[in-house]
Amino acid sequence: MNFYSTNNPSHKVPLKEAVIKGLAPDQGLYMPEIIPVLTESFYSRLPEMSFADIGYQVISAIFGDDLSEAQVKQLVDHTLAFDAPLVKVEDDIYSLELFHGPTLAFKDFGARFCSKLMSMLMEGESRKVRVLVATSGDTGSAVANGFYKVPGVEVVILYPKGKVSELQEKQFTTLGENISCLEVDGVFDDCQSLVKQAFLDEELNREMLLTSANSINIARWIPQCLYYFYAYSRLPKSDKKLAFSVPSGNFGNLGAGILAERMGLPIDIFVASTNVNKVVPDFLHGNAFQAKASVSTISNSMDVGNPSNFYRLLALYGNDETVFRQKVKGFYFDDADTSRAMQSIKDRTNYIMDPHGAVGYLGLRNLMRMFPEEYIGVFLETAHPGKFKSTVDRVLGIDLELPERLKEFMKGEKKAGSLGNDYSQFKEHLLKKLS
């Protein structure tokens, strides 16, 4: 299958180029030329299928023209090496826990798939791949751990100084080996801009093979659709409509859910739930899409003012803004709203949400208030609350016990360089790594 640029549908490339380049030359995001629709028999068998069996079918449908059956199995087995349990929180409201992977965040799924596929596609190549990653928190840790010690790959992670939790920072700055980190004097959007400029720099691209492991890369983005199929397969039978509420920053996760729906998964509506960085909810309420400077919040992984995946969302709906607004509802919440939701759920159900999951819960609750008794819903719990221990402890008045994996990360020594919000400095840093 070929993949086209969201900025120019006539620009099409094969799988290897789409994955290794990450971003199209015109700064568009790559999209599959054809979105396959899975059969009715597949959907009827979903409740009896394992997570891995679901993965084989879905990934084969998308990548089967380019990968062998054995490669698909190897990819899926590596990606789905942990569970994504569905937990009932309230009547008709379920949490999809996506934090049971190595770094306890949903991005483990995409990062593991991306690193494995990239190594497959680069087999036999003499050149080293340099993976550039901008992170607002969890992407950095998932990618760093997914690519750690992968032969022929170097990872450079850019993150905003003082705007990720200490635990998130430790997860990617303590590894060393083929992982290097740069603390940028700015916000996530600045980090993302530096990475995009590097991809478009002709001199850099002559000197080195650059790619991305952010959700702009199809190899990071597409596999995230798998847990939507899995969640659907584990829901109790219901005559009510189905809603998925997705806490959103760069909007790759929501895009993956829409991809699943485009493949035939019977999701009736999505909720784009954000913090006060609300450019997409504003658009969904009828305004023009307009990027803005990001604002810091307690749900820091969603502090994105210029989400790259917005145009991918539009492309999934045929660039029809009307259909987009019909299928996706948008709500935003401030830190006080988020804190109250975390406290309320803890008091009533003893379930502990992280700040991002709390935003997802609030978006689902808003939808269900608008349409009483009409929906059964799932919100995505995207990270273990321990990754935001200081916030969770303060809001809930507890001393949250960290999982052993997180405790081990906290013992490591931070290794990170400093960088101003200046592209020439970043370029110089990359070129020095060649010498």
Protein backbone atom coordinates (compact mmCIF):
# COMPACT_ATOMS: atom_id res chain seq x y z
CA MET A 1 0.00 0.00 0.00
CA ASN A 2 1.10 3.56 -0.65
CA PHE A 3 0.75 6.42 1.80
CA TYR A 4 -0.20 9.98 0.82
CA SER A 5 0.52 13.38 2.34
CA THR A 6 -2.33 15.24 4.02
CA ASN A 7 -1.02 18.41 2.31
CA ASN A 8 -0.88 16.87 -1.16
CA PRO A 9 -2.84 13.65 -1.81
CA SER A 10 -1.03 13.18 -5.13
CA HIS A 11 2.27 12.77 -3.24
CA LYS A 12 2.42 9.05 -2.47
CA VAL A 13 5.23 6.87 -1.10
CA PRO A 14 5.66 3.19 -0.15
CA LEU A 15 5.63 1.97 3.44
CA LYS A 16 9.39 2.11 4.04
CA GLU A 17 9.70 5.74 2.94
CA ALA A 18 6.63 6.78 4.95
CA VAL A 19 8.04 5.19 8.12
CA ILE A 20 11.67 6.21 7.73
CA LYS A 21 10.91 9.78 6.59
CA GLY A 22 8.12 10.19 9.14
CA LEU A 23 6.99 13.53 7.73
CA ALA A 24 6.24 14.28 4.07
CA PRO A 25 8.46 16.86 2.28
CA ASP A 26 5.55 19.32 2.27
CA GLN A 27 5.16 18.90 6.07
CA GLY A 28 2.02 16.83 5.57
CA LEU A 29 1.35 13.69 7.59
CA TYR A 30 1.25 10.36 5.82
CA MET A 31 -2.06 8.52 5.56
CA PRO A 32 -2.90 5.07 4.15
CA GLU A 33 -4.14 5.37 0.59
CA ILE A 34 -6.90 2.86 1.35
CA ILE A 35 -8.57 2.31 4.71
CA PRO A 36 -9.63 -1.35 4.67
CA VAL A 37 -13.03 -2.26 6.10
CA LEU A 38 -12.98 -5.51 8.05
CA THR A 39 -15.59 -8.18 7.51
CA GLU A 40 -18.79 -8.76 9.46
CA SER A 41 -17.50 -12.18 10.49
CA PHE A 42 -14.45 -10.52 12.08
CA TYR A 43 -16.65 -8.27 14.19
CA SER A 44 -18.95 -11.13 15.19
CA ARG A 45 -15.93 -13.10 16.46
CA LEU A 46 -14.31 -10.22 18.39
CA PRO A 47 -15.55 -11.22 21.88
CA GLU A 48 -13.92 -14.64 21.54
CA MET A 49 -10.61 -13.36 20.12
CA SER A 50 -7.46 -12.63 22.11
CA PHE A 51 -5.79 -9.22 21.94
CA ALA A 52 -3.04 -10.73 19.78
CA ASP A 53 -5.51 -12.41 17.40
CA ILE A 54 -7.30 -9.11 16.94
CA GLY A 55 -3.94 -7.46 16.26
CA TYR A 56 -2.97 -10.02 13.59
CA GLN A 57 -6.18 -9.37 11.67
CA VAL A 58 -6.11 -5.57 11.88
CA ILE A 59 -2.40 -5.13 11.11
CA SER A 60 -2.62 -7.64 8.23
CA ALA A 61 -5.48 -5.65 6.73
CA ILE A 62 -3.38 -2.46 6.73
CA PHE A 63 0.17 -3.72 6.18
CA GLY A 64 -0.42 -7.15 4.60
CA ASP A 65 0.70 -5.99 1.14
CA ASP A 66 4.11 -4.99 2.50
CA LEU A 67 4.82 -7.45 5.32
CA SER A 68 4.79 -11.23 5.44
CA GLU A 69 2.48 -13.14 7.76
CA ALA A 70 5.48 -13.99 9.93
CA GLN A 71 6.53 -10.32 10.14
CA VAL A 72 3.00 -9.26 11.12
CA LYS A 73 2.94 -11.90 13.87
CA GLN A 74 6.36 -10.83 15.15
CA LEU A 75 5.29 -7.16 15.18
CA VAL A 76 2.01 -7.80 16.96
CA ASP A 77 3.49 -10.18 19.54
CA HIS A 78 6.18 -7.62 20.38
CA THR A 79 3.63 -4.77 20.58
CA LEU A 80 0.90 -6.52 22.57
CA ALA A 81 3.10 -8.09 25.22
CA PHE A 82 0.89 -6.66 28.00
CA ASP A 83 -2.81 -6.23 28.67
CA ALA A 84 -5.14 -3.24 28.35
CA PRO A 85 -7.92 -4.10 30.82
CA LEU A 86 -11.35 -2.54 30.73
CA VAL A 87 -12.45 -1.50 34.23
CA LYS A 88 -15.99 -0.54 35.22
CA VAL A 89 -15.93 2.79 37.08
CA GLU A 90 -19.62 3.70 37.16
CA ASP A 91 -22.80 2.44 35.51
CA ASP A 92 -22.19 2.53 31.73
CA ILE A 93 -18.74 4.13 32.21
CA TYR A 94 -15.54 2.14 31.73
CA SER A 95 -11.87 3.01 31.97
CA LEU A 96 -9.58 1.50 29.34
CA GLU A 97 -6.31 1.16 31.24
CA LEU A 98 -3.46 1.66 28.80
CA PHE A 99 -0.68 1.87 31.37
CA HIS A 100 0.38 -1.75 31.84
CA GLY A 101 3.40 -1.56 29.51
CA PRO A 102 7.10 -0.96 30.30
CA THR A 103 6.79 2.81 30.94
CA LEU A 104 3.19 2.69 32.22
CA ALA A 105 1.70 4.86 29.47
CA PHE A 106 -0.41 4.25 26.36
CA LYS A 107 2.46 5.23 24.09
CA ASP A 108 4.21 1.95 24.88
CA PHE A 109 2.01 0.28 22.26
CA GLY A 110 3.00 2.61 19.43
CA ALA A 111 6.64 2.93 20.46
CA ARG A 112 7.19 -0.83 20.56
CA PHE A 113 5.51 -1.29 17.17
CA CYS A 114 7.47 1.60 15.66
CA SER A 115 10.88 0.41 16.87
CA LYS A 116 10.26 -3.15 15.69
CA LEU A 117 8.91 -2.14 12.28
CA MET A 118 11.73 0.35 11.74
CA SER A 119 14.35 -2.29 12.49
CA MET A 120 12.63 -4.66 10.03
CA LEU A 121 12.55 -2.06 7.28
CA MET A 122 16.18 -1.03 7.84
CA GLU A 123 17.56 -4.57 7.89
CA GLY A 124 20.62 -4.71 5.65
CA GLU A 125 21.02 -0.91 5.53
CA SER A 126 24.48 0.45 6.36
CA ARG A 127 23.34 3.90 7.45
CA LYS A 128 22.35 4.65 11.03
CA VAL A 129 18.86 6.06 11.63
CA ARG A 130 18.49 9.09 13.89
CA VAL A 131 15.09 9.31 15.52
CA LEU A 132 14.09 12.83 16.58
CA VAL A 133 11.36 13.04 19.19
CA ALA A 134 9.55 15.99 20.76
CA THR A 135 7.80 15.11 24.00
CA SER A 136 5.50 16.72 26.52
CA GLY A 137 6.07 13.74 28.82
CA ASP A 138 5.05 10.19 27.97
CA THR A 139 6.22 10.02 24.35
CA GLY A 140 9.82 10.50 25.44
CA SER A 141 9.77 7.67 27.96
CA ALA A 142 7.90 5.25 25.67
CA VAL A 143 10.14 5.92 22.66
CA ALA A 144 13.36 5.90 24.68
CA ASN A 145 12.53 2.55 26.23
CA GLY A 146 11.15 1.16 22.97
CA PHE A 147 14.32 2.01 21.02
CA TYR A 148 16.81 1.44 23.87
CA LYS A 149 19.85 -0.47 22.53
CA VAL A 150 18.16 -1.12 19.17
CA PRO A 151 21.09 -1.64 16.75
CA GLY A 152 21.60 1.03 14.09
CA VAL A 153 19.32 3.59 15.74
CA GLU A 154 20.13 6.74 17.73
CA VAL A 155 17.35 8.64 19.49
CA VAL A 156 17.41 12.37 20.30
CA ILE A 157 14.63 13.52 22.63
CA LEU A 158 13.66 17.19 23.03
CA TYR A 159 11.49 18.17 25.99
CA PRO A 160 10.38 21.49 27.54
CA LYS A 161 12.38 22.50 30.58
CA GLY A 162 10.39 22.31 33.82
CA LYS A 163 7.20 21.17 32.10
CA VAL A 164 7.31 17.39 32.53
CA SER A 165 6.96 15.51 35.80
CA GLU A 166 10.15 14.38 37.53
CA LEU A 167 9.24 10.75 37.00
CA GLN A 168 8.53 11.23 33.29
CA GLU A 169 11.88 12.99 32.93
CA LYS A 170 13.73 10.19 34.73
CA GLN A 171 12.23 7.60 32.41
CA PHE A 172 14.02 8.95 29.36
CA THR A 173 17.01 10.94 30.69
CA THR A 174 18.59 8.14 32.73
CA LEU A 175 19.06 5.50 30.02
CA GLY A 176 22.10 6.69 28.07
CA GLU A 177 23.48 4.27 25.45
CA ASN A 178 21.79 5.24 22.14
CA ILE A 179 19.35 7.67 23.85
CA SER A 180 20.32 11.36 24.23
CA CYS A 181 18.13 14.12 25.63
CA LEU A 182 17.92 17.89 25.24
CA GLU A 183 16.10 20.12 27.70
CA VAL A 184 14.64 22.99 25.65
CA ASP A 185 14.01 26.45 27.07
CA GLY A 186 10.42 26.63 25.81
CA VAL A 187 7.19 24.64 25.55
CA PHE A 188 6.28 21.42 23.74
CA ASP A 189 5.26 23.28 20.58
CA ASP A 190 8.78 24.75 20.40
CA CYS A 191 10.28 21.26 20.64
CA GLN A 192 7.94 20.02 17.94
CA SER A 193 8.83 22.96 15.70
CA LEU A 194 12.57 22.26 16.05
CA VAL A 195 12.04 18.62 15.04
CA LYS A 196 9.94 19.59 12.02
CA GLN A 197 12.53 22.12 10.88
CA ALA A 198 15.20 19.43 11.04
CA PHE A 199 13.15 17.12 8.83
CA LEU A 200 12.93 19.84 6.19
CA ASP A 201 16.60 20.87 6.36
CA GLU A 202 18.23 19.69 3.11
CA GLU A 203 21.78 19.83 4.49
CA LEU A 204 20.92 17.74 7.53
CA ASN A 205 19.06 15.19 5.42
CA ARG A 206 22.06 14.84 3.11
CA GLU A 207 24.32 14.17 6.08
CA MET A 208 22.09 11.80 8.07
CA LEU A 209 18.98 9.65 7.89
CA LEU A 210 16.36 11.37 10.06
CA THR A 211 12.99 10.07 11.14
CA SER A 212 10.39 10.65 13.83
CA ALA A 213 8.78 8.46 16.47
CA ASN A 214 6.12 10.99 17.43
CA SER A 215 2.54 10.21 16.50
CA ILE A 216 3.15 12.04 13.21
CA ASN A 217 4.85 8.78 12.13
CA ILE A 218 2.38 6.19 10.85
CA ALA A 219 4.35 3.43 12.62
CA ARG A 220 3.67 5.11 15.98
CA TRP A 221 0.15 6.17 15.15
CA ILE A 222 -1.58 3.26 13.40
CA PRO A 223 -1.00 0.51 16.01
CA GLN A 224 -2.83 2.60 18.61
CA CYS A 225 -6.07 1.64 16.85
CA LEU A 226 -5.68 -1.91 18.18
CA TYR A 227 -6.82 -1.18 21.72
CA TYR A 228 -10.08 0.35 20.48
CA PHE A 229 -10.96 -2.98 18.86
CA TYR A 230 -9.94 -4.79 22.04
CA ALA A 231 -11.98 -2.51 24.32
CA TYR A 232 -15.04 -2.99 22.13
CA SER A 233 -14.58 -6.77 22.30
CA ARG A 234 -14.58 -6.71 26.12
CA LEU A 235 -17.58 -4.42 26.67
CA PRO A 236 -20.82 -6.02 27.89
CA LYS A 237 -23.55 -6.29 25.30
CA SER A 238 -25.75 -3.20 25.28
CA ASP A 239 -28.46 -1.64 23.14
CA LYS A 240 -27.05 1.80 23.91
CA LYS A 241 -24.85 3.81 21.56
CA LEU A 242 -21.10 3.60 22.10
CA ALA A 243 -18.90 6.61 22.92
CA PHE A 244 -15.13 6.82 23.37
CA SER A 245 -13.71 9.81 25.22
CA VAL A 246 -10.05 10.48 24.43
CA PRO A 247 -7.91 12.83 26.54
CA SER A 248 -6.07 14.69 23.81
CA GLY A 249 -2.96 16.82 23.24
CA ASN A 250 -1.39 16.15 19.85
CA PHE A 251 -4.50 14.15 18.84
CA GLY A 252 -2.80 11.03 17.52
CA ASN A 253 -4.71 8.84 19.96
CA LEU A 254 -8.08 10.19 18.86
CA GLY A 255 -7.01 9.78 15.24
CA ALA A 256 -6.24 6.11 15.89
CA GLY A 257 -9.73 5.63 17.28
CA ILE A 258 -11.27 7.28 14.23
CA LEU A 259 -9.14 5.00 12.04
CA ALA A 260 -10.66 1.99 13.83
CA GLU A 261 -14.14 3.41 13.26
CA ARG A 262 -13.36 3.98 9.58
CA MET A 263 -12.36 0.29 9.42
CA GLY A 264 -15.87 -0.61 10.54
CA LEU A 265 -15.66 -0.65 14.34
CA PRO A 266 -19.15 0.44 15.48
CA ILE A 267 -18.27 3.50 17.54
CA ASP A 268 -21.13 6.01 17.39
CA ILE A 269 -19.34 9.09 18.66
CA PHE A 270 -15.97 10.32 19.93
CA VAL A 271 -15.29 12.94 22.57
CA ALA A 272 -12.17 15.07 22.17
CA SER A 273 -11.43 15.92 25.80
CA THR A 274 -8.75 18.52 26.48
CA ASN A 275 -7.44 20.76 29.20
CA VAL A 276 -7.47 24.54 28.62
CA ASN A 277 -5.35 24.02 25.49
CA LYS A 278 -8.62 23.85 23.59
CA VAL A 279 -7.97 24.70 19.95
CA VAL A 280 -9.73 21.53 18.74
CA PRO A 281 -12.82 21.84 21.01
CA ASP A 282 -13.06 25.44 19.81
CA PHE A 283 -13.02 24.19 16.22
CA LEU A 284 -15.63 21.54 16.98
CA HIS A 285 -17.88 24.26 18.37
CA GLY A 286 -17.81 26.08 15.02
CA ASN A 287 -14.70 28.23 15.12
CA ALA A 288 -11.84 28.17 12.63
CA PHE A 289 -8.86 26.04 13.62
CA GLN A 290 -6.24 28.42 15.02
CA ALA A 291 -3.02 27.34 16.73
CA LYS A 292 -2.22 29.13 19.97
CA ALA A 293 0.60 29.26 22.49
CA SER A 294 0.24 26.36 24.91
CA VAL A 295 -0.65 26.84 28.58
CA SER A 296 0.81 24.76 31.42
CA THR A 297 -1.63 22.52 33.33
CA ILE A 298 -1.57 19.55 35.72
CA SER A 299 -2.36 17.31 32.72
CA ASN A 300 0.95 18.37 31.17
CA SER A 301 1.17 15.71 28.45
CA MET A 302 -1.78 17.46 26.77
CA ASP A 303 -0.29 20.95 26.89
CA VAL A 304 -0.23 21.37 23.10
CA GLY A 305 -1.37 24.51 21.32
CA ASN A 306 -0.70 23.40 17.75
CA PRO A 307 -1.65 19.71 17.47
CA SER A 308 0.04 18.11 14.46
CA ASN A 309 -2.60 15.43 13.98
CA PHE A 310 -5.50 17.84 13.43
CA TYR A 311 -5.26 17.55 9.64
CA ARG A 312 -5.03 13.78 9.92
CA LEU A 313 -8.39 13.84 11.75
CA LEU A 314 -9.87 15.90 8.94
CA ALA A 315 -8.45 13.54 6.31
CA LEU A 316 -10.07 10.56 8.03
CA TYR A 317 -13.43 12.26 7.46
CA GLY A 318 -12.68 13.12 3.84
CA ASN A 319 -11.80 16.72 4.82
CA ASP A 320 -15.50 17.29 5.50
CA GLU A 321 -15.68 19.60 8.52
CA THR A 322 -19.42 19.03 8.90
CA VAL A 323 -19.02 15.26 9.24
CA PHE A 324 -16.06 15.77 11.57
CA ARG A 325 -18.16 17.94 13.89
CA GLN A 326 -21.04 15.43 13.79
CA LYS A 327 -18.86 12.47 14.75
CA VAL A 328 -16.64 14.20 17.33
CA LYS A 329 -17.75 16.35 20.24
CA GLY A 330 -15.24 18.55 22.03
CA PHE A 331 -15.04 19.63 25.68
CA TYR A 332 -12.29 21.26 27.72
CA PHE A 333 -11.64 21.45 31.46
CA ASP A 334 -9.39 23.47 33.71
CA ASP A 335 -7.23 22.18 36.55
CA ALA A 336 -9.93 22.77 39.14
CA ASP A 337 -12.40 20.67 37.12
CA THR A 338 -9.78 17.95 36.75
CA SER A 339 -8.94 17.91 40.45
CA ARG A 340 -12.60 17.73 41.48
CA ALA A 341 -13.19 14.77 39.16
CA MET A 342 -10.17 12.91 40.54
CA GLN A 343 -11.39 13.50 44.10
CA SER A 344 -15.02 12.64 43.36
CA ILE A 345 -14.23 9.32 41.70
CA LYS A 346 -11.78 8.39 44.46
CA ASP A 347 -14.39 9.18 47.14
CA ARG A 348 -17.26 7.35 45.43
CA THR A 349 -15.54 4.36 43.84
CA ASN A 350 -11.98 4.25 45.25
CA TYR A 351 -10.70 4.34 41.66
CA ILE A 352 -7.64 6.55 41.20
CA MET A 353 -7.36 8.43 37.91
CA ASP A 354 -4.35 10.32 36.66
CA PRO A 355 -5.04 13.94 35.58
CA HIS A 356 -5.25 12.98 31.88
CA GLY A 357 -7.68 10.15 32.47
CA ALA A 358 -9.75 12.53 34.63
CA VAL A 359 -10.09 14.88 31.66
CA GLY A 360 -11.25 11.93 29.55
CA TYR A 361 -13.78 10.97 32.22
CA LEU A 362 -15.13 14.53 32.38
CA GLY A 363 -15.62 14.67 28.61
CA LEU A 364 -17.57 11.42 28.67
CA ARG A 365 -19.67 12.65 31.60
CA ASN A 366 -20.52 15.85 29.71
CA LEU A 367 -21.72 13.87 26.71
CA MET A 368 -23.84 11.58 28.88
CA ARG A 369 -25.46 14.54 30.62
CA MET A 370 -26.42 15.95 27.21
CA PHE A 371 -27.94 12.61 26.15
CA PRO A 372 -29.22 10.86 29.30
CA GLU A 373 -29.46 7.04 29.12
CA GLU A 374 -28.39 7.07 25.46
CA TYR A 375 -24.72 6.02 25.66
CA ILE A 376 -22.42 3.46 27.13
CA GLY A 377 -18.94 4.93 27.21
CA VAL A 378 -15.22 4.28 27.54
CA PHE A 379 -12.64 6.85 28.58
CA LEU A 380 -8.95 6.24 28.02
CA GLU A 381 -6.79 6.13 31.14
CA THR A 382 -3.54 6.91 29.36
CA ALA A 383 -0.95 6.74 32.16
CA HIS A 384 -0.51 5.22 35.58
CA PRO A 385 -1.36 7.84 38.26
CA GLY A 386 2.06 7.19 39.81
CA LYS A 387 3.66 9.02 36.87
CA PHE A 388 2.07 12.17 38.30
CA LYS A 389 2.51 11.26 41.96
CA SER A 390 3.03 14.78 43.29
CA THR A 391 -0.20 16.00 41.67
CA VAL A 392 -2.19 12.90 42.61
CA ASP A 393 -0.95 13.02 46.21
CA ARG A 394 -1.77 16.71 46.55
CA VAL A 395 -5.23 16.46 44.98
CA LEU A 396 -6.29 13.29 46.78
CA GLY A 397 -4.45 13.82 50.06
CA ILE A 398 -2.71 10.45 49.84
CA ASP A 399 0.79 9.00 49.56
CA LEU A 400 0.40 6.91 46.40
CA GLU A 401 2.49 3.75 46.36
CA LEU A 402 4.59 3.63 43.19
CA PRO A 403 4.89 0.42 41.15
CA GLU A 404 8.35 -1.14 41.35
CA ARG A 405 9.10 -0.20 37.72
CA LEU A 406 8.61 3.48 38.48
CA LYS A 407 10.69 3.26 41.66
CA GLU A 408 13.58 1.85 39.64
CA PHE A 409 13.46 4.75 37.17
CA MET A 410 13.68 7.25 40.03
CA LYS A 411 17.04 5.79 41.09
CA GLY A 412 18.71 6.70 37.79
CA GLU A 413 20.93 9.73 37.17
CA LYS A 414 19.62 12.38 34.79
CA LYS A 415 21.72 12.88 31.65
CA ALA A 416 20.49 15.76 29.50
CA GLY A 417 21.94 18.69 27.61
CA SER A 418 20.45 22.17 27.49
CA LEU A 419 19.19 23.96 24.40
CA GLY A 420 17.70 27.36 23.75
CA ASN A 421 14.65 27.70 21.56
CA ASP A 422 16.87 28.21 18.52
CA TYR A 423 17.05 25.96 15.47
CA SER A 424 20.65 26.80 14.58
CA GLN A 425 21.78 25.47 17.99
CA PHE A 426 19.83 22.26 17.46
CA LYS A 427 21.24 21.77 13.98
CA GLU A 428 24.77 22.34 15.26
CA HIS A 429 24.18 19.73 17.98
CA LEU A 430 23.04 17.16 15.43
CA LEU A 431 25.95 17.80 13.09
CA LYS A 432 28.43 17.47 15.97
CA LYS A 433 27.06 13.99 16.66
CA LEU A 434 28.35 12.97 13.22
CA SER A 435 31.95 13.92 14.00
